[in-house]
C-alpha atoms as a PDB file:
ATOM      1  CA  UNK A   1     124.971  93.483 133.615  1.00  0.00           C
ATOM      2  CA  UNK A   2     125.685  96.324 131.196  1.00  0.00           C
ATOM      3  CA  UNK A   3     124.795  94.184 128.186  1.00  0.00           C
ATOM      4  CA  UNK A   4     121.576  93.080 129.809  1.00  0.00           C
ATOM      5  CA  UNK A   5     120.680  96.680 130.607  1.00  0.00           C
ATOM      6  CA  UNK A   6     121.342  97.757 127.008  1.00  0.00           C
ATOM      7  CA  UNK A   7     119.334  94.868 125.661  1.00  0.00           C
ATOM      8  CA  UNK A   8     116.397  95.727 127.896  1.00  0.00           C
ATOM      9  CA  UNK A   9     116.651  99.369 126.932  1.00  0.00           C
ATOM     10  CA  UNK A  10     116.649  98.442 123.252  1.00  0.00           C
ATOM     11  CA  UNK A  11     113.640  96.202 123.762  1.00  0.00           C
ATOM     12  CA  UNK A  12     111.742  98.955 125.551  1.00  0.00           C
ATOM     13  CA  UNK A  13     112.593 101.406 122.775  1.00  0.00           C
ATOM     14  CA  UNK A  14     111.354  98.953 120.159  1.00  0.00           C
ATOM     15  CA  UNK A  15     108.154  98.351 122.126  1.00  0.00           C
ATOM     16  CA  UNK A  16     107.385 102.058 122.501  1.00  0.00           C
ATOM     17  CA  UNK A  17     108.148 102.643 118.808  1.00  0.00           C
ATOM     18  CA  UNK A  18     105.810  99.801 117.859  1.00  0.00           C
ATOM     19  CA  UNK A  19     102.992 101.088 120.097  1.00  0.00           C
ATOM     20  CA  UNK A  20     103.350 104.658 118.816  1.00  0.00           C
ATOM     21  CA  UNK A  21     103.373 103.521 115.204  1.00  0.00           C
ATOM     22  CA  UNK A  22     100.348 101.276 115.802  1.00  0.00           C
ATOM     23  CA  UNK A  23      98.276 104.147 117.206  1.00  0.00           C
ATOM     24  CA  UNK A  24      99.144 106.368 114.248  1.00  0.00           C
ATOM     25  CA  UNK A  25      98.301 103.621 111.750  1.00  0.00           C
ATOM     26  CA  UNK A  26      94.941 102.994 113.430  1.00  0.00           C
ATOM     27  CA  UNK A  27      94.032 106.659 112.928  1.00  0.00           C
ATOM     28  CA  UNK A  28      95.233 106.588 109.340  1.00  0.00           C
ATOM     29  CA  UNK A  29      93.382 103.343 108.576  1.00  0.00           C
ATOM     30  CA  UNK A  30      90.176 104.698 110.123  1.00  0.00           C
ATOM     31  CA  UNK A  31      90.254 107.744 107.845  1.00  0.00           C
ATOM     32  CA  UNK A  32      90.898 105.551 104.781  1.00  0.00           C
ATOM     33  CA  UNK A  33      87.983 103.324 105.807  1.00  0.00           C
ATOM     34  CA  UNK A  34      85.519 106.203 106.107  1.00  0.00           C
ATOM     35  CA  UNK A  35      86.718 107.766 102.845  1.00  0.00           C
ATOM     36  CA  UNK A  36      86.160 104.510 100.921  1.00  0.00           C
ATOM     37  CA  UNK A  37      82.818 103.825 102.632  1.00  0.00           C
ATOM     38  CA  UNK A  38      81.760 107.401 101.871  1.00  0.00           C
ATOM     39  CA  UNK A  39      82.588 106.812  98.190  1.00  0.00           C
ATOM     40  CA  UNK A  40      80.417 103.675  98.167  1.00  0.00           C
ATOM     41  CA  UNK A  41      77.629 105.523  99.976  1.00  0.00           C
ATOM     42  CA  UNK A  42      77.590 108.331  97.412  1.00  0.00           C
ATOM     43  CA  UNK A  43      77.610 105.758  94.616  1.00  0.00           C
ATOM     44  CA  UNK A  44      74.709 103.907  96.252  1.00  0.00           C
ATOM     45  CA  UNK A  45      72.717 107.145  96.513  1.00  0.00           C
ATOM     46  CA  UNK A  46      73.286 107.984  92.863  1.00  0.00           C
ATOM     47  CA  UNK A  47      72.382 104.495  91.673  1.00  0.00           C
ATOM     48  CA  UNK A  48      69.082 104.645  93.592  1.00  0.00           C
ATOM     49  CA  UNK A  49      67.951 107.765  91.748  1.00  0.00           C
ATOM     50  CA  UNK A  50      65.207 106.875  89.275  1.00  0.00           C
ATOM     51  CA  UNK A  51      64.181 108.577  86.062  1.00  0.00           C
ATOM     52  CA  UNK A  52      60.495 107.987  85.345  1.00  0.00           C
ATOM     53  CA  UNK A  53      59.687 107.715  81.659  1.00  0.00           C
ATOM     54  CA  UNK A  54      55.920 108.260  81.453  1.00  0.00           C
ATOM     55  CA  UNK A  55      54.114 106.516  78.598  1.00  0.00           C
ATOM     56  CA  UNK A  56      51.062 107.339  76.541  1.00  0.00           C
ATOM     57  CA  UNK A  57      48.037 105.115  77.164  1.00  0.00           C
ATOM     58  CA  UNK A  58      47.772 104.423  73.437  1.00  0.00           C
ATOM     59  CA  UNK A  59      51.224 102.830  73.114  1.00  0.00           C
ATOM     60  CA  UNK A  60      51.028  99.308  71.734  1.00  0.00           C
ATOM     61  CA  UNK A  61      52.692  96.206  73.113  1.00  0.00           C
ATOM     62  CA  UNK A  62      55.089  95.998  70.189  1.00  0.00           C
ATOM     63  CA  UNK A  63      56.259  99.573  70.661  1.00  0.00           C
ATOM     64  CA  UNK A  64      56.451  98.961  74.413  1.00  0.00           C
ATOM     65  CA  UNK A  65      58.749  95.962  74.030  1.00  0.00           C
ATOM     66  CA  UNK A  66      60.879  97.780  71.474  1.00  0.00           C
ATOM     67  CA  UNK A  67      61.248 100.807  73.741  1.00  0.00           C
ATOM     68  CA  UNK A  68      62.232  98.597  76.679  1.00  0.00           C
ATOM     69  CA  UNK A  69      64.942  96.928  74.586  1.00  0.00           C
ATOM     70  CA  UNK A  70      66.294 100.293  73.453  1.00  0.00           C
ATOM     71  CA  UNK A  71      66.353 101.685  76.995  1.00  0.00           C
ATOM     72  CA  UNK A  72      68.354  98.693  78.236  1.00  0.00           C
ATOM     73  CA  UNK A  73      71.042  99.370  75.637  1.00  0.00           C
ATOM     74  CA  UNK A  74      71.582 102.979  76.715  1.00  0.00           C
ATOM     75  CA  UNK A  75      75.081 103.521  78.220  1.00  0.00           C
ATOM     76  CA  UNK A  76      73.691 105.500  81.155  1.00  0.00           C
ATOM     77  CA  UNK A  77      71.029 102.945  82.164  1.00  0.00           C
ATOM     78  CA  UNK A  78      71.868 100.362  84.827  1.00  0.00           C
ATOM     79  CA  UNK A  79      68.447  98.719  85.098  1.00  0.00           C
ATOM     80  CA  UNK A  80      64.926  99.139  83.701  1.00  0.00           C
ATOM     81  CA  UNK A  81      61.669  98.364  85.504  1.00  0.00           C
ATOM     82  CA  UNK A  82      58.283  98.487  83.799  1.00  0.00           C
ATOM     83  CA  UNK A  83      55.275  99.605  85.863  1.00  0.00           C
ATOM     84  CA  UNK A  84      51.931  99.088  84.169  1.00  0.00           C
ATOM     85  CA  UNK A  85      48.999 101.468  84.489  1.00  0.00           C
ATOM     86  CA  UNK A  86      47.134  98.956  86.670  1.00  0.00           C
ATOM     87  CA  UNK A  87      50.087  98.428  89.009  1.00  0.00           C
ATOM     88  CA  UNK A  88      50.685 102.153  89.289  1.00  0.00           C
ATOM     89  CA  UNK A  89      47.024 102.682  90.145  1.00  0.00           C
ATOM     90  CA  UNK A  90      47.148  99.989  92.843  1.00  0.00           C
ATOM     91  CA  UNK A  91      50.273 101.488  94.393  1.00  0.00           C
ATOM     92  CA  UNK A  92      48.725 104.956  94.393  1.00  0.00           C
ATOM     93  CA  UNK A  93      45.525 103.612  95.952  1.00  0.00           C
ATOM     94  CA  UNK A  94      47.541 101.878  98.647  1.00  0.00           C
ATOM     95  CA  UNK A  95      49.460 105.057  99.412  1.00  0.00           C
ATOM     96  CA  UNK A  96      46.348 107.279  99.470  1.00  0.00           C
ATOM     97  CA  UNK A  97      44.092 104.579 100.988  1.00  0.00           C
ATOM     98  CA  UNK A  98      41.639 105.254  98.171  1.00  0.00           C
ATOM     99  CA  UNK A  99      41.837 104.873  94.412  1.00  0.00           C
ATOM    100  CA  UNK A 100      41.842 107.985  92.168  1.00  0.00           C
ATOM    101  CA  UNK A 101      39.197 106.375  89.971  1.00  0.00           C
ATOM    102  CA  UNK A 102      36.734 106.472  92.900  1.00  0.00           C
ATOM    103  CA  UNK A 103      36.295 110.243  92.610  1.00  0.00           C
ATOM    104  CA  UNK A 104      37.590 110.872  89.070  1.00  0.00           C
ATOM    105  CA  UNK A 105      35.890 107.942  87.403  1.00  0.00           C
ATOM    106  CA  UNK A 106      39.155 106.944  85.708  1.00  0.00           C
ATOM    107  CA  UNK A 107      42.814 106.439  86.611  1.00  0.00           C
ATOM    108  CA  UNK A 108      45.159 109.283  85.590  1.00  0.00           C
ATOM    109  CA  UNK A 109      48.216 107.180  86.476  1.00  0.00           C
ATOM    110  CA  UNK A 110      50.128 106.333  83.267  1.00  0.00           C
ATOM    111  CA  UNK A 111      52.301 103.320  82.618  1.00  0.00           C
ATOM    112  CA  UNK A 112      55.990 104.069  82.966  1.00  0.00           C
ATOM    113  CA  UNK A 113      59.521 102.799  82.833  1.00  0.00           C
ATOM    114  CA  UNK A 114      61.705 103.354  85.878  1.00  0.00           C
ATOM    115  CA  UNK A 115      65.313 103.849  84.835  1.00  0.00           C
ATOM    116  CA  UNK A 116      68.017 103.190  87.418  1.00  0.00           C
ATOM    117  CA  UNK A 117      71.075 105.113  86.321  1.00  0.00           C
ATOM    118  CA  UNK A 118      74.758 104.298  86.536  1.00  0.00           C
ATOM    119  CA  UNK A 119      76.396 106.357  89.277  1.00  0.00           C
ATOM    120  CA  UNK A 120      78.585 108.405  86.938  1.00  0.00           C
ATOM    121  CA  UNK A 121      75.517 109.525  84.938  1.00  0.00           C
ATOM    122  CA  UNK A 122      73.235 110.296  87.897  1.00  0.00           C
ATOM    123  CA  UNK A 123      73.637 114.069  87.861  1.00  0.00           C
ATOM    124  CA  UNK A 124      71.787 116.997  86.334  1.00  0.00           C
ATOM    125  CA  UNK A 125      74.494 117.832  83.799  1.00  0.00           C
ATOM    126  CA  UNK A 126      74.326 114.349  82.302  1.00  0.00           C
ATOM    127  CA  UNK A 127      70.515 114.351  82.411  1.00  0.00           C
ATOM    128  CA  UNK A 128      70.390 117.484  80.279  1.00  0.00           C
ATOM    129  CA  UNK A 129      72.372 115.642  77.624  1.00  0.00           C
ATOM    130  CA  UNK A 130      70.374 112.410  77.452  1.00  0.00           C
ATOM    131  CA  UNK A 131      66.877 113.732  78.315  1.00  0.00           C
ATOM    132  CA  UNK A 132      66.177 114.812  74.686  1.00  0.00           C
ATOM    133  CA  UNK A 133      67.193 111.319  73.554  1.00  0.00           C
ATOM    134  CA  UNK A 134      64.573 109.802  75.873  1.00  0.00           C
ATOM    135  CA  UNK A 135      61.814 112.214  74.852  1.00  0.00           C
ATOM    136  CA  UNK A 136      62.177 111.472  71.143  1.00  0.00           C
ATOM    137  CA  UNK A 137      60.981 107.873  71.546  1.00  0.00           C
ATOM    138  CA  UNK A 138      57.477 107.072  70.360  1.00  0.00           C
ATOM    139  CA  UNK A 139      54.931 106.876  73.178  1.00  0.00           C
ATOM    140  CA  UNK A 140      56.976 108.872  75.732  1.00  0.00           C
ATOM    141  CA  UNK A 141      54.935 111.751  77.171  1.00  0.00           C
ATOM    142  CA  UNK A 142      57.166 113.096  79.950  1.00  0.00           C
ATOM    143  CA  UNK A 143      60.410 112.578  81.890  1.00  0.00           C
ATOM    144  CA  UNK A 144      60.422 112.995  85.680  1.00  0.00           C
ATOM    145  CA  UNK A 145      63.457 112.843  87.963  1.00  0.00           C
ATOM    146  CA  UNK A 146      64.318 114.135  91.476  1.00  0.00           C
ATOM    147  CA  UNK A 147      66.046 117.431  90.640  1.00  0.00           C
ATOM    148  CA  UNK A 148      66.247 118.702  94.240  1.00  0.00           C
ATOM    149  CA  UNK A 149      67.713 115.456  95.569  1.00  0.00           C
ATOM    150  CA  UNK A 150      70.252 115.351  92.746  1.00  0.00           C
ATOM    151  CA  UNK A 151      71.217 118.970  93.379  1.00  0.00           C
ATOM    152  CA  UNK A 152      71.731 118.254  97.065  1.00  0.00           C
ATOM    153  CA  UNK A 153      73.800 115.130  96.480  1.00  0.00           C
ATOM    154  CA  UNK A 154      75.883 116.783  93.760  1.00  0.00           C
ATOM    155  CA  UNK A 155      76.660 119.624  96.181  1.00  0.00           C
ATOM    156  CA  UNK A 156      77.170 117.796  99.465  1.00  0.00           C
ATOM    157  CA  UNK A 157      79.107 114.742  98.199  1.00  0.00           C
ATOM    158  CA  UNK A 158      81.991 116.689  96.573  1.00  0.00           C
ATOM    159  CA  UNK A 159      82.124 118.971  99.617  1.00  0.00           C
ATOM    160  CA  UNK A 160      82.291 116.016 102.002  1.00  0.00           C
ATOM    161  CA  UNK A 161      84.879 114.328  99.801  1.00  0.00           C
ATOM    162  CA  UNK A 162      87.054 117.443  99.823  1.00  0.00           C
ATOM    163  CA  UNK A 163      86.859 117.681 103.610  1.00  0.00           C
ATOM    164  CA  UNK A 164      87.711 113.994 104.044  1.00  0.00           C
ATOM    165  CA  UNK A 165      90.602 114.269 101.591  1.00  0.00           C
ATOM    166  CA  UNK A 166      91.947 117.297 103.463  1.00  0.00           C
ATOM    167  CA  UNK A 167      91.702 115.414 106.760  1.00  0.00           C
ATOM    168  CA  UNK A 168      93.459 112.423 105.200  1.00  0.00           C
ATOM    169  CA  UNK A 169      96.315 114.602 103.915  1.00  0.00           C
ATOM    170  CA  UNK A 170      96.699 116.359 107.257  1.00  0.00           C
ATOM    171  CA  UNK A 171      96.646 113.053 109.094  1.00  0.00           C
ATOM    172  CA  UNK A 172      99.250 111.646 106.721  1.00  0.00           C
ATOM    173  CA  UNK A 173     101.498 114.604 107.488  1.00  0.00           C
ATOM    174  CA  UNK A 174     100.908 114.224 111.229  1.00  0.00           C
ATOM    175  CA  UNK A 175     101.499 110.464 110.962  1.00  0.00           C
ATOM    176  CA  UNK A 176     104.806 111.035 109.207  1.00  0.00           C
ATOM    177  CA  UNK A 177     105.842 113.571 111.863  1.00  0.00           C
ATOM    178  CA  UNK A 178     104.946 111.298 114.780  1.00  0.00           C
ATOM    179  CA  UNK A 179     106.570 108.195 113.302  1.00  0.00           C
ATOM    180  CA  UNK A 180     109.600 110.244 112.281  1.00  0.00           C
ATOM    181  CA  UNK A 181     110.028 111.550 115.830  1.00  0.00           C
ATOM    182  CA  UNK A 182     109.675 108.044 117.240  1.00  0.00           C
ATOM    183  CA  UNK A 183     112.272 106.578 114.874  1.00  0.00           C
ATOM    184  CA  UNK A 184     114.611 109.545 115.343  1.00  0.00           C
ATOM    185  CA  UNK A 185     114.605 109.081 119.116  1.00  0.00           C
ATOM    186  CA  UNK A 186     115.364 105.396 118.634  1.00  0.00           C
ATOM    187  CA  UNK A 187     118.284 106.151 116.305  1.00  0.00           C
ATOM    188  CA  UNK A 188     119.481 109.005 118.526  1.00  0.00           C
ATOM    189  CA  UNK A 189     119.893 106.585 121.419  1.00  0.00           C
ATOM    190  CA  UNK A 190     122.484 104.687 119.333  1.00  0.00           C
ATOM    191  CA  UNK A 191     124.304 107.679 117.857  1.00  0.00           C
ATOM    192  CA  UNK A 192     127.588 106.731 119.556  1.00  0.00           C
ATOM    193  CA  UNK A 193     127.421 103.246 118.040  1.00  0.00           C
ATOM    194  CA  UNK A 194     126.944 104.789 114.602  1.00  0.00           C
ATOM    195  CA  UNK A 195     129.921 107.109 115.154  1.00  0.00           C
ATOM    196  CA  UNK A 196     132.134 104.251 116.385  1.00  0.00           C
ATOM    197  CA  UNK A 197     131.311 102.166 113.320  1.00  0.00           C
ATOM    198  CA  UNK A 198     132.196 105.132 111.108  1.00  0.00           C
ATOM    199  CA  UNK A 199     135.579 105.422 112.846  1.00  0.00           C
ATOM    200  CA  UNK A 200     136.458 101.802 112.130  1.00  0.00           C
ATOM    201  CA  UNK A 201     135.665 102.298 108.434  1.00  0.00           C
ATOM    202  CA  UNK A 202     132.246 100.658 108.130  1.00  0.00           C
ATOM    203  CA  UNK A 203     130.320 101.625 104.997  1.00  0.00           C
ATOM    204  CA  UNK A 204     127.112 103.598 105.294  1.00  0.00           C
ATOM    205  CA  UNK A 205     125.013 100.765 103.879  1.00  0.00           C
ATOM    206  CA  UNK A 206     126.446  98.370 106.446  1.00  0.00           C
ATOM    207  CA  UNK A 207     125.732 100.811 109.305  1.00  0.00           C
ATOM    208  CA  UNK A 208     122.259 101.583 107.996  1.00  0.00           C
ATOM    209  CA  UNK A 209     121.188  97.957 107.446  1.00  0.00           C
ATOM    210  CA  UNK A 210     120.326  96.929 111.052  1.00  0.00           C
ATOM    211  CA  UNK A 211     118.332 100.123 111.567  1.00  0.00           C
ATOM    212  CA  UNK A 212     116.377  99.533 108.346  1.00  0.00           C
ATOM    213  CA  UNK A 213     115.683  95.914 109.319  1.00  0.00           C
ATOM    214  CA  UNK A 214     114.530  97.010 112.761  1.00  0.00           C
ATOM    215  CA  UNK A 215     112.328  99.720 111.220  1.00  0.00           C
ATOM    216  CA  UNK A 216     110.836  97.164 108.824  1.00  0.00           C
ATOM    217  CA  UNK A 217     109.811  94.836 111.644  1.00  0.00           C
ATOM    218  CA  UNK A 218     108.451  97.728 113.703  1.00  0.00           C
ATOM    219  CA  UNK A 219     106.353  98.899 110.764  1.00  0.00           C
ATOM    220  CA  UNK A 220     105.241  95.379 109.848  1.00  0.00           C
ATOM    221  CA  UNK A 221     104.294  94.435 113.418  1.00  0.00           C
ATOM    222  CA  UNK A 222     102.515  97.741 114.016  1.00  0.00           C
ATOM    223  CA  UNK A 223     100.602  97.340 110.741  1.00  0.00           C
ATOM    224  CA  UNK A 224      99.466  93.815 111.648  1.00  0.00           C
ATOM    225  CA  UNK A 225      98.272  94.934 115.080  1.00  0.00           C
ATOM    226  CA  UNK A 226      96.539  97.995 113.620  1.00  0.00           C
ATOM    227  CA  UNK A 227      94.873  95.873 110.924  1.00  0.00           C
ATOM    228  CA  UNK A 228      93.637  93.418 113.548  1.00  0.00           C
ATOM    229  CA  UNK A 229      92.120  96.187 115.671  1.00  0.00           C
ATOM    230  CA  UNK A 230      90.575  97.947 112.655  1.00  0.00           C
ATOM    231  CA  UNK A 231      89.125  94.664 111.337  1.00  0.00           C
ATOM    232  CA  UNK A 232      87.647  93.990 114.786  1.00  0.00           C
ATOM    233  CA  UNK A 233      86.093  97.458 114.847  1.00  0.00           C
ATOM    234  CA  UNK A 234      84.630  97.001 111.358  1.00  0.00           C
ATOM    235  CA  UNK A 235      83.180  93.610 112.355  1.00  0.00           C
ATOM    236  CA  UNK A 236      81.524  95.189 115.403  1.00  0.00           C
ATOM    237  CA  UNK A 237      80.135  97.973 113.193  1.00  0.00           C
ATOM    238  CA  UNK A 238      78.663  95.438 110.777  1.00  0.00           C
ATOM    239  CA  UNK A 239      76.864  93.706 113.654  1.00  0.00           C
ATOM    240  CA  UNK A 240      75.229  96.987 114.680  1.00  0.00           C
ATOM    241  CA  UNK A 241      73.897  98.032 111.274  1.00  0.00           C
ATOM    242  CA  UNK A 242      72.948  95.672 108.450  1.00  0.00           C
ATOM    243  CA  UNK A 243      72.920  98.475 105.854  1.00  0.00           C
ATOM    244  CA  UNK A 244      76.612  99.174 106.455  1.00  0.00           C
ATOM    245  CA  UNK A 245      77.416  95.673 105.195  1.00  0.00           C
ATOM    246  CA  UNK A 246      76.303  96.740 101.708  1.00  0.00           C
ATOM    247  CA  UNK A 247      78.838  99.582 101.796  1.00  0.00           C
ATOM    248  CA  UNK A 248      81.751  97.652 103.312  1.00  0.00           C
ATOM    249  CA  UNK A 249      82.744  95.665 100.253  1.00  0.00           C
ATOM    250  CA  UNK A 250      85.829  93.434  99.885  1.00  0.00           C
ATOM    251  CA  UNK A 251      87.439  96.325  97.981  1.00  0.00           C
ATOM    252  CA  UNK A 252      86.912  98.625 100.981  1.00  0.00           C
ATOM    253  CA  UNK A 253      88.469  96.079 103.324  1.00  0.00           C
ATOM    254  CA  UNK A 254      91.370  95.490 100.947  1.00  0.00           C
ATOM    255  CA  UNK A 255      92.110  99.197 100.477  1.00  0.00           C
ATOM    256  CA  UNK A 256      91.799  99.947 104.198  1.00  0.00           C
ATOM    257  CA  UNK A 257      93.924  97.083 105.507  1.00  0.00           C
ATOM    258  CA  UNK A 258      96.362  97.264 102.610  1.00  0.00           C
ATOM    259  CA  UNK A 259      96.940 101.000 103.034  1.00  0.00           C
ATOM    260  CA  UNK A 260      97.805 100.433 106.695  1.00  0.00           C
ATOM    261  CA  UNK A 261     100.490  97.876 105.794  1.00  0.00           C
ATOM    262  CA  UNK A 262     101.906 100.005 102.959  1.00  0.00           C
ATOM    263  CA  UNK A 263     101.958 103.188 105.046  1.00  0.00           C
ATOM    264  CA  UNK A 264     103.397 101.383 108.065  1.00  0.00           C
ATOM    265  CA  UNK A 265     106.313  99.948 106.093  1.00  0.00           C
ATOM    266  CA  UNK A 266     106.896 102.996 103.908  1.00  0.00           C
ATOM    267  CA  UNK A 267     106.840 105.565 106.708  1.00  0.00           C
ATOM    268  CA  UNK A 268     109.019 103.614 109.137  1.00  0.00           C
ATOM    269  CA  UNK A 269     111.611 102.716 106.489  1.00  0.00           C
ATOM    270  CA  UNK A 270     111.682 106.266 105.120  1.00  0.00           C
ATOM    271  CA  UNK A 271     112.042 107.808 108.577  1.00  0.00           C
ATOM    272  CA  UNK A 272     114.768 105.327 109.559  1.00  0.00           C
ATOM    273  CA  UNK A 273     116.688 106.019 106.340  1.00  0.00           C
ATOM    274  CA  UNK A 274     116.751 109.784 106.831  1.00  0.00           C
ATOM    275  CA  UNK A 275     117.364 109.575 110.589  1.00  0.00           C
ATOM    276  CA  UNK A 276     120.392 107.308 110.188  1.00  0.00           C
ATOM    277  CA  UNK A 277     121.729 109.416 107.343  1.00  0.00           C
ATOM    278  CA  UNK A 278     121.478 112.492 109.526  1.00  0.00           C
ATOM    279  CA  UNK A 279     123.753 110.906 112.131  1.00  0.00           C
ATOM    280  CA  UNK A 280     126.088 109.510 109.491  1.00  0.00           C
ATOM    281  CA  UNK A 281     126.729 113.030 108.223  1.00  0.00           C
ATOM    282  CA  UNK A 282     127.518 114.379 111.690  1.00  0.00           C
ATOM    283  CA  UNK A 283     131.049 115.184 112.673  1.00  0.00           C
ATOM    284  CA  UNK A 284     132.538 113.937 115.944  1.00  0.00           C
ATOM    285  CA  UNK A 285     131.959 117.306 117.637  1.00  0.00           C
ATOM    286  CA  UNK A 286     128.288 117.310 116.622  1.00  0.00           C
ATOM    287  CA  UNK A 287     127.787 113.770 117.956  1.00  0.00           C
ATOM    288  CA  UNK A 288     129.116 114.599 121.408  1.00  0.00           C
ATOM    289  CA  UNK A 289     127.501 118.004 121.617  1.00  0.00           C
ATOM    290  CA  UNK A 290     123.960 116.793 120.758  1.00  0.00           C
END
């Protein structure tokens, strides 16, 4: 009867430890997911910024082709789109519901190249460096880019990233504290067993081994459950918004689910190691007093 009661108590302790660890890992995985998605979102915003290279009407086809080839070789250019004067005029007429040549007698819309920048170059500091290089090309009359939008993104993205990183660090600390308390209570319940094994001359590694194995399986099981719930939540989110699917890349899924497994195993093993060591260092009087 006593053995059965102890076994049931141990099973209940393991179950509660697993549930507690799972809840903490879900929170941690959720923060990692939003941090990685936020990084992809900021990258997507930057890559959608366009630099309009306006062209002179007198530029010849040969110079046009040569300029396009040169622009494609620039290290800061991700893609180049050419918009002819006629196409630009049609798009303006469609937007205004009347063509500018109807009241001006001619179209003031120039031909242009739209440059889609690489994310790391899509900021005002970088633009100041490569704008003179663009202006020196033959046939280029002006360079236009969204300064206000770039200013806003360059301000709000680092601020948001700092806030998310702070939250992630705080949550990591809280996660460690919660898992540590859970493991400590589990080890505390078997403090007399640890002391008895010390008295019969068992080595610390031998005493510590079953606790480390138990902590490993708690962390591994909790991580698998947390990953399953997080993956289900991400799948539901993808069904609600198609745009999110462009941000949730395989890398995001790998980092999110992988970080849950790594943190689950690392935190539970680390907490078990220090908790057992704490009881191993206790004297007999400390064991019976606490």
